[in-house]
């Protein structure tokens, strides 16, 4: 893992969330994107080298909608950038971590992603991200 790639924050309404974070951070989102396979709309903010991803579920079965229903709005995950996602997934499996997907999948912001189950990471959902080359 090379660095924190972004922090994901679940919001009920992306437009309202964008307005809050624009005021808070003093910048507009640089990108919005739908990830239909995950049932989510995202927007990204960048402050210095830090990225914040806001996530809104687009249907009731979306993992984000279920998260908000259970826990409310707030930090959903911490994403770490990796150079080789498949190698990192294999390393984590060998270390005993449970991965939520067997293979990397396409995520937002031109990334391949994989999630690590929060039961093995002290309750934090961890995302691995690799730039699609």
N, C-alpha and C. Protein backbone atom coordinates (compact mmCIF):
# COMPACT_ATOMS: atom_id res chain seq x y z
N UNK A 1 0.86 -1.17 0.00
CA UNK A 1 0.00 0.00 0.00
C UNK A 1 0.91 1.23 0.00
N UNK A 2 0.61 2.15 -0.89
CA UNK A 2 1.50 3.28 -1.06
C UNK A 2 1.04 4.55 -0.34
N UNK A 3 -0.27 4.75 -0.22
CA UNK A 3 -0.80 5.93 0.47
C UNK A 3 -2.31 5.81 0.61
N UNK A 4 -2.89 6.70 1.43
CA UNK A 4 -4.35 6.77 1.49
C UNK A 4 -4.80 7.41 0.18
N UNK A 5 -5.60 6.70 -0.57
CA UNK A 5 -6.07 7.18 -1.88
C UNK A 5 -7.23 8.14 -1.69
N UNK A 6 -8.19 7.76 -0.83
CA UNK A 6 -9.31 8.65 -0.51
C UNK A 6 -10.04 8.14 0.72
N UNK A 7 -10.92 8.99 1.22
CA UNK A 7 -11.83 8.62 2.30
C UNK A 7 -13.23 8.71 1.73
N UNK A 8 -13.99 7.63 1.85
CA UNK A 8 -15.35 7.58 1.33
C UNK A 8 -16.37 7.93 2.40
N UNK A 9 -17.30 8.82 2.07
CA UNK A 9 -18.31 9.27 3.02
C UNK A 9 -19.69 9.03 2.40
N UNK A 10 -20.52 8.26 3.12
CA UNK A 10 -21.87 7.96 2.67
C UNK A 10 -22.79 9.14 2.98
N UNK A 11 -23.56 9.57 1.99
CA UNK A 11 -24.52 10.66 2.16
C UNK A 11 -25.88 10.23 1.61
N UNK A 12 -26.94 10.78 2.20
CA UNK A 12 -28.29 10.46 1.72
C UNK A 12 -28.58 11.15 0.40
N UNK A 13 -28.05 12.36 0.25
CA UNK A 13 -28.33 13.16 -0.93
C UNK A 13 -27.03 13.79 -1.41
N UNK A 14 -26.59 13.41 -2.59
CA UNK A 14 -25.30 13.86 -3.11
C UNK A 14 -25.26 15.38 -3.33
N UNK A 15 -26.34 15.95 -3.84
CA UNK A 15 -26.37 17.40 -4.06
C UNK A 15 -26.20 18.16 -2.75
N UNK A 16 -26.91 17.71 -1.71
CA UNK A 16 -26.79 18.37 -0.41
C UNK A 16 -25.40 18.13 0.18
N UNK A 17 -24.89 16.91 0.04
CA UNK A 17 -23.54 16.61 0.52
C UNK A 17 -22.49 17.45 -0.18
N UNK A 18 -22.64 17.59 -1.50
CA UNK A 18 -21.70 18.43 -2.26
C UNK A 18 -21.71 19.87 -1.73
N UNK A 19 -22.89 20.40 -1.45
CA UNK A 19 -23.00 21.77 -0.96
C UNK A 19 -22.28 21.91 0.39
N UNK A 20 -22.45 20.94 1.27
CA UNK A 20 -21.79 20.98 2.58
C UNK A 20 -20.28 20.95 2.41
N UNK A 21 -19.78 20.02 1.61
CA UNK A 21 -18.34 19.87 1.47
C UNK A 21 -17.69 20.98 0.65
N UNK A 22 -18.45 21.58 -0.28
CA UNK A 22 -17.94 22.76 -0.99
C UNK A 22 -17.68 23.89 0.00
N UNK A 23 -18.64 24.11 0.93
CA UNK A 23 -18.46 25.15 1.94
C UNK A 23 -17.33 24.78 2.89
N UNK A 24 -17.30 23.54 3.32
CA UNK A 24 -16.29 23.09 4.29
C UNK A 24 -14.88 23.17 3.73
N UNK A 25 -14.69 22.65 2.51
CA UNK A 25 -13.36 22.54 1.92
C UNK A 25 -12.95 23.75 1.08
N UNK A 26 -13.93 24.55 0.67
CA UNK A 26 -13.62 25.73 -0.13
C UNK A 26 -13.34 25.43 -1.59
N UNK A 27 -13.72 24.23 -2.04
CA UNK A 27 -13.55 23.84 -3.45
C UNK A 27 -14.77 23.05 -3.90
N UNK A 28 -15.03 23.08 -5.19
CA UNK A 28 -16.11 22.28 -5.77
C UNK A 28 -15.59 20.87 -6.08
N UNK A 29 -16.49 19.92 -6.20
CA UNK A 29 -16.03 18.58 -6.61
C UNK A 29 -15.41 18.66 -8.00
N UNK A 30 -14.35 17.90 -8.22
CA UNK A 30 -13.70 17.91 -9.53
C UNK A 30 -14.28 16.84 -10.45
N UNK A 31 -15.09 15.96 -9.90
CA UNK A 31 -15.61 14.87 -10.72
C UNK A 31 -16.83 14.27 -10.05
N UNK A 32 -17.83 13.92 -10.85
CA UNK A 32 -18.98 13.13 -10.41
C UNK A 32 -19.11 11.97 -11.37
N UNK A 33 -19.53 10.83 -10.82
CA UNK A 33 -19.57 9.62 -11.65
C UNK A 33 -20.55 8.62 -11.06
N UNK A 34 -21.27 7.93 -11.92
CA UNK A 34 -22.13 6.83 -11.48
C UNK A 34 -21.38 5.52 -11.66
N UNK A 35 -21.47 4.66 -10.66
CA UNK A 35 -20.97 3.29 -10.76
C UNK A 35 -22.22 2.41 -10.66
N UNK A 36 -22.84 2.16 -11.82
CA UNK A 36 -24.12 1.47 -11.87
C UNK A 36 -24.05 0.08 -11.27
N UNK A 37 -22.92 -0.61 -11.45
CA UNK A 37 -22.79 -1.97 -10.93
C UNK A 37 -22.86 -2.01 -9.40
N UNK A 38 -22.56 -0.89 -8.75
CA UNK A 38 -22.61 -0.81 -7.29
C UNK A 38 -23.82 -0.02 -6.79
N UNK A 39 -24.61 0.51 -7.74
CA UNK A 39 -25.78 1.29 -7.36
C UNK A 39 -25.41 2.55 -6.59
N UNK A 40 -24.43 3.29 -7.12
CA UNK A 40 -23.93 4.46 -6.40
C UNK A 40 -23.59 5.60 -7.35
N UNK A 41 -23.85 6.82 -6.88
CA UNK A 41 -23.36 8.04 -7.53
C UNK A 41 -22.28 8.59 -6.61
N UNK A 42 -21.20 9.07 -7.22
CA UNK A 42 -20.08 9.58 -6.43
C UNK A 42 -19.72 10.99 -6.87
N UNK A 43 -19.08 11.69 -5.98
CA UNK A 43 -18.41 12.94 -6.35
C UNK A 43 -17.10 12.98 -5.57
N UNK A 44 -16.10 13.61 -6.18
CA UNK A 44 -14.77 13.66 -5.59
C UNK A 44 -14.32 15.09 -5.38
N UNK A 45 -13.76 15.31 -4.21
CA UNK A 45 -13.15 16.59 -3.84
C UNK A 45 -11.66 16.33 -3.64
N UNK A 46 -10.85 17.34 -3.91
CA UNK A 46 -9.42 17.23 -3.65
C UNK A 46 -8.94 18.47 -2.92
N UNK A 47 -8.26 18.23 -1.81
CA UNK A 47 -7.66 19.30 -1.03
C UNK A 47 -6.23 18.87 -0.78
N UNK A 48 -5.27 19.60 -1.39
CA UNK A 48 -3.88 19.15 -1.33
C UNK A 48 -3.78 17.80 -2.01
N UNK A 49 -3.17 16.85 -1.34
CA UNK A 49 -3.07 15.50 -1.92
C UNK A 49 -4.17 14.58 -1.41
N UNK A 50 -5.11 15.11 -0.63
CA UNK A 50 -6.18 14.31 -0.05
C UNK A 50 -7.43 14.35 -0.92
N UNK A 51 -8.03 13.18 -1.12
CA UNK A 51 -9.29 13.10 -1.86
C UNK A 51 -10.39 12.63 -0.92
N UNK A 52 -11.56 13.22 -1.07
CA UNK A 52 -12.77 12.83 -0.36
C UNK A 52 -13.78 12.40 -1.40
N UNK A 53 -14.36 11.22 -1.22
CA UNK A 53 -15.38 10.70 -2.13
C UNK A 53 -16.71 10.69 -1.38
N UNK A 54 -17.70 11.39 -1.91
CA UNK A 54 -19.06 11.31 -1.38
C UNK A 54 -19.80 10.26 -2.18
N UNK A 55 -20.60 9.44 -1.49
CA UNK A 55 -21.32 8.34 -2.13
C UNK A 55 -22.79 8.37 -1.76
N UNK A 56 -23.65 8.32 -2.77
CA UNK A 56 -25.10 8.24 -2.56
C UNK A 56 -25.60 6.98 -3.25
N UNK A 57 -26.37 6.17 -2.55
CA UNK A 57 -26.98 4.99 -3.15
C UNK A 57 -28.04 5.40 -4.16
N UNK A 58 -28.10 4.67 -5.27
CA UNK A 58 -29.09 4.99 -6.30
C UNK A 58 -30.31 4.08 -6.25
N UNK A 59 -30.27 3.09 -5.37
CA UNK A 59 -31.42 2.21 -5.17
C UNK A 59 -31.34 1.61 -3.76
N UNK A 60 -32.43 1.00 -3.32
CA UNK A 60 -32.50 0.48 -1.95
C UNK A 60 -31.57 -0.71 -1.71
N UNK A 61 -31.12 -1.37 -2.76
CA UNK A 61 -30.22 -2.53 -2.61
C UNK A 61 -28.75 -2.15 -2.64
N UNK A 62 -28.46 -0.89 -2.90
CA UNK A 62 -27.09 -0.41 -2.95
C UNK A 62 -26.42 -0.60 -1.59
N UNK A 63 -25.14 -1.02 -1.59
CA UNK A 63 -24.42 -1.12 -0.31
C UNK A 63 -24.42 0.21 0.46
N UNK A 64 -24.42 1.32 -0.24
CA UNK A 64 -24.44 2.63 0.43
C UNK A 64 -25.80 2.88 1.08
N UNK A 65 -26.88 2.56 0.38
CA UNK A 65 -28.22 2.72 0.95
C UNK A 65 -28.37 1.86 2.20
N UNK A 66 -27.88 0.62 2.13
CA UNK A 66 -27.96 -0.28 3.29
C UNK A 66 -27.11 0.23 4.45
N UNK A 67 -25.92 0.76 4.14
CA UNK A 67 -25.05 1.32 5.16
C UNK A 67 -25.74 2.46 5.89
N UNK A 68 -26.32 3.40 5.13
CA UNK A 68 -26.99 4.56 5.72
C UNK A 68 -28.19 4.12 6.55
N UNK A 69 -28.94 3.15 6.07
CA UNK A 69 -30.10 2.64 6.81
C UNK A 69 -29.67 2.08 8.16
N UNK A 70 -28.55 1.39 8.17
CA UNK A 70 -28.06 0.73 9.40
C UNK A 70 -27.29 1.69 10.32
N UNK A 71 -26.44 2.55 9.74
CA UNK A 71 -25.52 3.35 10.55
C UNK A 71 -25.69 4.86 10.39
N UNK A 72 -26.43 5.28 9.39
CA UNK A 72 -26.57 6.71 9.14
C UNK A 72 -25.44 7.21 8.25
N UNK A 73 -25.49 8.49 7.94
CA UNK A 73 -24.46 9.09 7.10
C UNK A 73 -23.13 9.13 7.85
N UNK A 74 -22.05 9.11 7.10
CA UNK A 74 -20.74 9.24 7.73
C UNK A 74 -19.67 8.50 6.97
N UNK A 75 -18.52 8.35 7.62
CA UNK A 75 -17.39 7.68 6.96
C UNK A 75 -17.77 6.24 6.64
N UNK A 76 -17.63 5.89 5.39
CA UNK A 76 -17.97 4.56 4.90
C UNK A 76 -16.74 3.68 4.75
N UNK A 77 -15.64 4.24 4.21
CA UNK A 77 -14.43 3.45 4.00
C UNK A 77 -13.19 4.33 3.89
N UNK A 78 -12.05 3.67 4.07
CA UNK A 78 -10.75 4.29 3.82
C UNK A 78 -10.12 3.50 2.69
N UNK A 79 -9.69 4.19 1.65
CA UNK A 79 -9.12 3.53 0.47
C UNK A 79 -7.61 3.75 0.42
N UNK A 80 -6.89 2.67 0.15
CA UNK A 80 -5.44 2.72 0.02
C UNK A 80 -5.06 2.41 -1.41
N UNK A 81 -4.14 3.18 -1.95
CA UNK A 81 -3.62 2.95 -3.30
C UNK A 81 -2.60 1.81 -3.24
N UNK A 82 -2.67 0.94 -4.25
CA UNK A 82 -1.71 -0.16 -4.37
C UNK A 82 -1.17 -0.16 -5.79
N UNK A 83 0.04 -0.69 -5.95
CA UNK A 83 0.64 -0.77 -7.29
C UNK A 83 0.12 -1.96 -8.07
N UNK A 84 -0.15 -3.08 -7.38
CA UNK A 84 -0.61 -4.31 -8.03
C UNK A 84 -1.70 -4.91 -7.16
N UNK A 85 -2.95 -4.66 -7.52
CA UNK A 85 -4.07 -5.04 -6.67
C UNK A 85 -4.18 -6.55 -6.49
N UNK A 86 -3.92 -7.32 -7.53
CA UNK A 86 -4.02 -8.78 -7.40
C UNK A 86 -2.97 -9.33 -6.43
N UNK A 87 -1.76 -8.80 -6.51
CA UNK A 87 -0.71 -9.23 -5.58
C UNK A 87 -1.07 -8.85 -4.15
N UNK A 88 -1.60 -7.65 -3.97
CA UNK A 88 -1.98 -7.19 -2.63
C UNK A 88 -3.15 -8.00 -2.09
N UNK A 89 -4.10 -8.36 -2.95
CA UNK A 89 -5.22 -9.20 -2.52
C UNK A 89 -4.71 -10.55 -2.05
N UNK A 90 -3.80 -11.14 -2.78
CA UNK A 90 -3.24 -12.43 -2.40
C UNK A 90 -2.48 -12.34 -1.08
N UNK A 91 -1.70 -11.28 -0.91
CA UNK A 91 -0.97 -11.08 0.35
C UNK A 91 -1.93 -10.99 1.53
N UNK A 92 -3.01 -10.22 1.37
CA UNK A 92 -3.97 -10.06 2.45
C UNK A 92 -4.70 -11.37 2.76
N UNK A 93 -5.04 -12.14 1.73
CA UNK A 93 -5.65 -13.46 1.96
C UNK A 93 -4.72 -14.34 2.80
N UNK A 94 -3.45 -14.35 2.44
CA UNK A 94 -2.47 -15.16 3.18
C UNK A 94 -2.33 -14.70 4.62
N UNK A 95 -2.55 -13.40 4.85
CA UNK A 95 -2.49 -12.86 6.21
C UNK A 95 -3.77 -13.12 7.00
N UNK A 96 -4.77 -13.73 6.34
CA UNK A 96 -6.00 -14.10 7.02
C UNK A 96 -7.15 -13.12 6.90
N UNK A 97 -7.00 -12.09 6.08
CA UNK A 97 -8.08 -11.13 5.89
C UNK A 97 -9.12 -11.71 4.93
N UNK A 98 -10.37 -11.33 5.14
CA UNK A 98 -11.46 -11.76 4.28
C UNK A 98 -11.73 -10.63 3.29
N UNK A 99 -11.68 -10.96 2.00
CA UNK A 99 -11.95 -9.98 0.94
C UNK A 99 -13.41 -10.11 0.52
N UNK A 100 -14.03 -9.00 0.23
CA UNK A 100 -15.45 -9.00 -0.15
C UNK A 100 -15.68 -9.29 -1.62
N UNK A 101 -14.62 -9.30 -2.41
CA UNK A 101 -14.75 -9.74 -3.80
C UNK A 101 -13.52 -10.57 -4.15
N UNK A 102 -13.75 -11.60 -4.95
CA UNK A 102 -12.68 -12.54 -5.33
C UNK A 102 -11.70 -11.94 -6.33
N UNK A 103 -12.21 -11.10 -7.19
CA UNK A 103 -11.40 -10.46 -8.23
C UNK A 103 -11.60 -8.95 -8.13
N UNK A 104 -10.60 -8.17 -8.55
CA UNK A 104 -10.79 -6.72 -8.58
C UNK A 104 -11.93 -6.36 -9.54
N UNK A 105 -12.65 -5.30 -9.20
CA UNK A 105 -13.72 -4.85 -10.10
C UNK A 105 -13.54 -3.37 -10.39
N UNK A 106 -14.19 -2.91 -11.45
CA UNK A 106 -14.06 -1.51 -11.83
C UNK A 106 -14.85 -0.66 -10.85
N UNK A 107 -14.17 0.34 -10.31
CA UNK A 107 -14.81 1.29 -9.41
C UNK A 107 -14.80 2.68 -10.02
N UNK A 108 -15.05 3.67 -9.21
CA UNK A 108 -15.07 5.05 -9.68
C UNK A 108 -13.64 5.57 -9.87
N UNK A 109 -13.53 6.67 -10.56
CA UNK A 109 -12.28 7.41 -10.72
C UNK A 109 -11.19 6.61 -11.42
N UNK A 110 -11.59 5.76 -12.39
CA UNK A 110 -10.65 4.97 -13.21
C UNK A 110 -9.79 4.03 -12.36
N UNK A 111 -10.45 3.34 -11.40
CA UNK A 111 -9.73 2.45 -10.50
C UNK A 111 -10.29 1.03 -10.56
N UNK A 112 -9.39 0.07 -10.37
CA UNK A 112 -9.78 -1.29 -10.00
C UNK A 112 -9.84 -1.30 -8.49
N UNK A 113 -10.86 -1.96 -7.92
CA UNK A 113 -11.03 -1.92 -6.47
C UNK A 113 -11.33 -3.31 -5.91
N UNK A 114 -11.04 -3.45 -4.63
CA UNK A 114 -11.38 -4.62 -3.84
C UNK A 114 -11.58 -4.14 -2.41
N UNK A 115 -12.56 -4.73 -1.73
CA UNK A 115 -12.82 -4.34 -0.35
C UNK A 115 -12.42 -5.45 0.61
N UNK A 116 -11.91 -5.03 1.77
CA UNK A 116 -11.52 -5.94 2.84
C UNK A 116 -12.60 -5.87 3.92
N UNK A 117 -13.08 -7.03 4.36
CA UNK A 117 -14.18 -7.09 5.33
C UNK A 117 -13.79 -6.35 6.61
N UNK A 118 -14.69 -5.50 7.12
CA UNK A 118 -14.38 -4.72 8.31
C UNK A 118 -14.22 -5.55 9.60
N UNK A 119 -14.71 -6.78 9.61
CA UNK A 119 -14.55 -7.60 10.82
C UNK A 119 -13.08 -7.88 11.11
N UNK A 120 -12.25 -7.87 10.09
CA UNK A 120 -10.83 -8.13 10.28
C UNK A 120 -9.98 -6.88 10.41
N UNK A 121 -10.61 -5.71 10.31
CA UNK A 121 -9.86 -4.44 10.33
C UNK A 121 -10.42 -3.49 11.39
N UNK A 122 -10.78 -4.05 12.51
CA UNK A 122 -11.29 -3.26 13.64
C UNK A 122 -12.50 -2.40 13.26
N UNK A 123 -13.38 -2.94 12.43
CA UNK A 123 -14.62 -2.26 12.09
C UNK A 123 -14.54 -1.26 10.97
N UNK A 124 -13.38 -1.16 10.31
CA UNK A 124 -13.22 -0.20 9.21
C UNK A 124 -13.25 -0.94 7.88
N UNK A 125 -14.14 -0.53 6.99
CA UNK A 125 -14.14 -1.07 5.64
C UNK A 125 -12.95 -0.47 4.90
N UNK A 126 -12.08 -1.34 4.40
CA UNK A 126 -10.88 -0.91 3.69
C UNK A 126 -11.05 -1.23 2.22
N UNK A 127 -10.70 -0.27 1.38
CA UNK A 127 -10.75 -0.45 -0.07
C UNK A 127 -9.32 -0.39 -0.61
N UNK A 128 -9.00 -1.31 -1.50
CA UNK A 128 -7.74 -1.27 -2.24
C UNK A 128 -8.05 -0.66 -3.60
N UNK A 129 -7.21 0.24 -4.08
CA UNK A 129 -7.41 0.92 -5.37
C UNK A 129 -6.16 0.84 -6.21
N UNK A 130 -6.34 0.50 -7.46
CA UNK A 130 -5.24 0.55 -8.42
C UNK A 130 -5.72 1.28 -9.65
N UNK A 131 -4.94 2.24 -10.10
CA UNK A 131 -5.25 2.97 -11.34
C UNK A 131 -5.34 1.96 -12.48
N UNK A 132 -6.40 2.07 -13.31
CA UNK A 132 -6.52 1.21 -14.48
C UNK A 132 -5.54 1.69 -15.52
N UNK A 133 -4.71 0.78 -15.96
CA UNK A 133 -3.65 1.13 -16.94
C UNK A 133 -4.02 0.69 -18.31
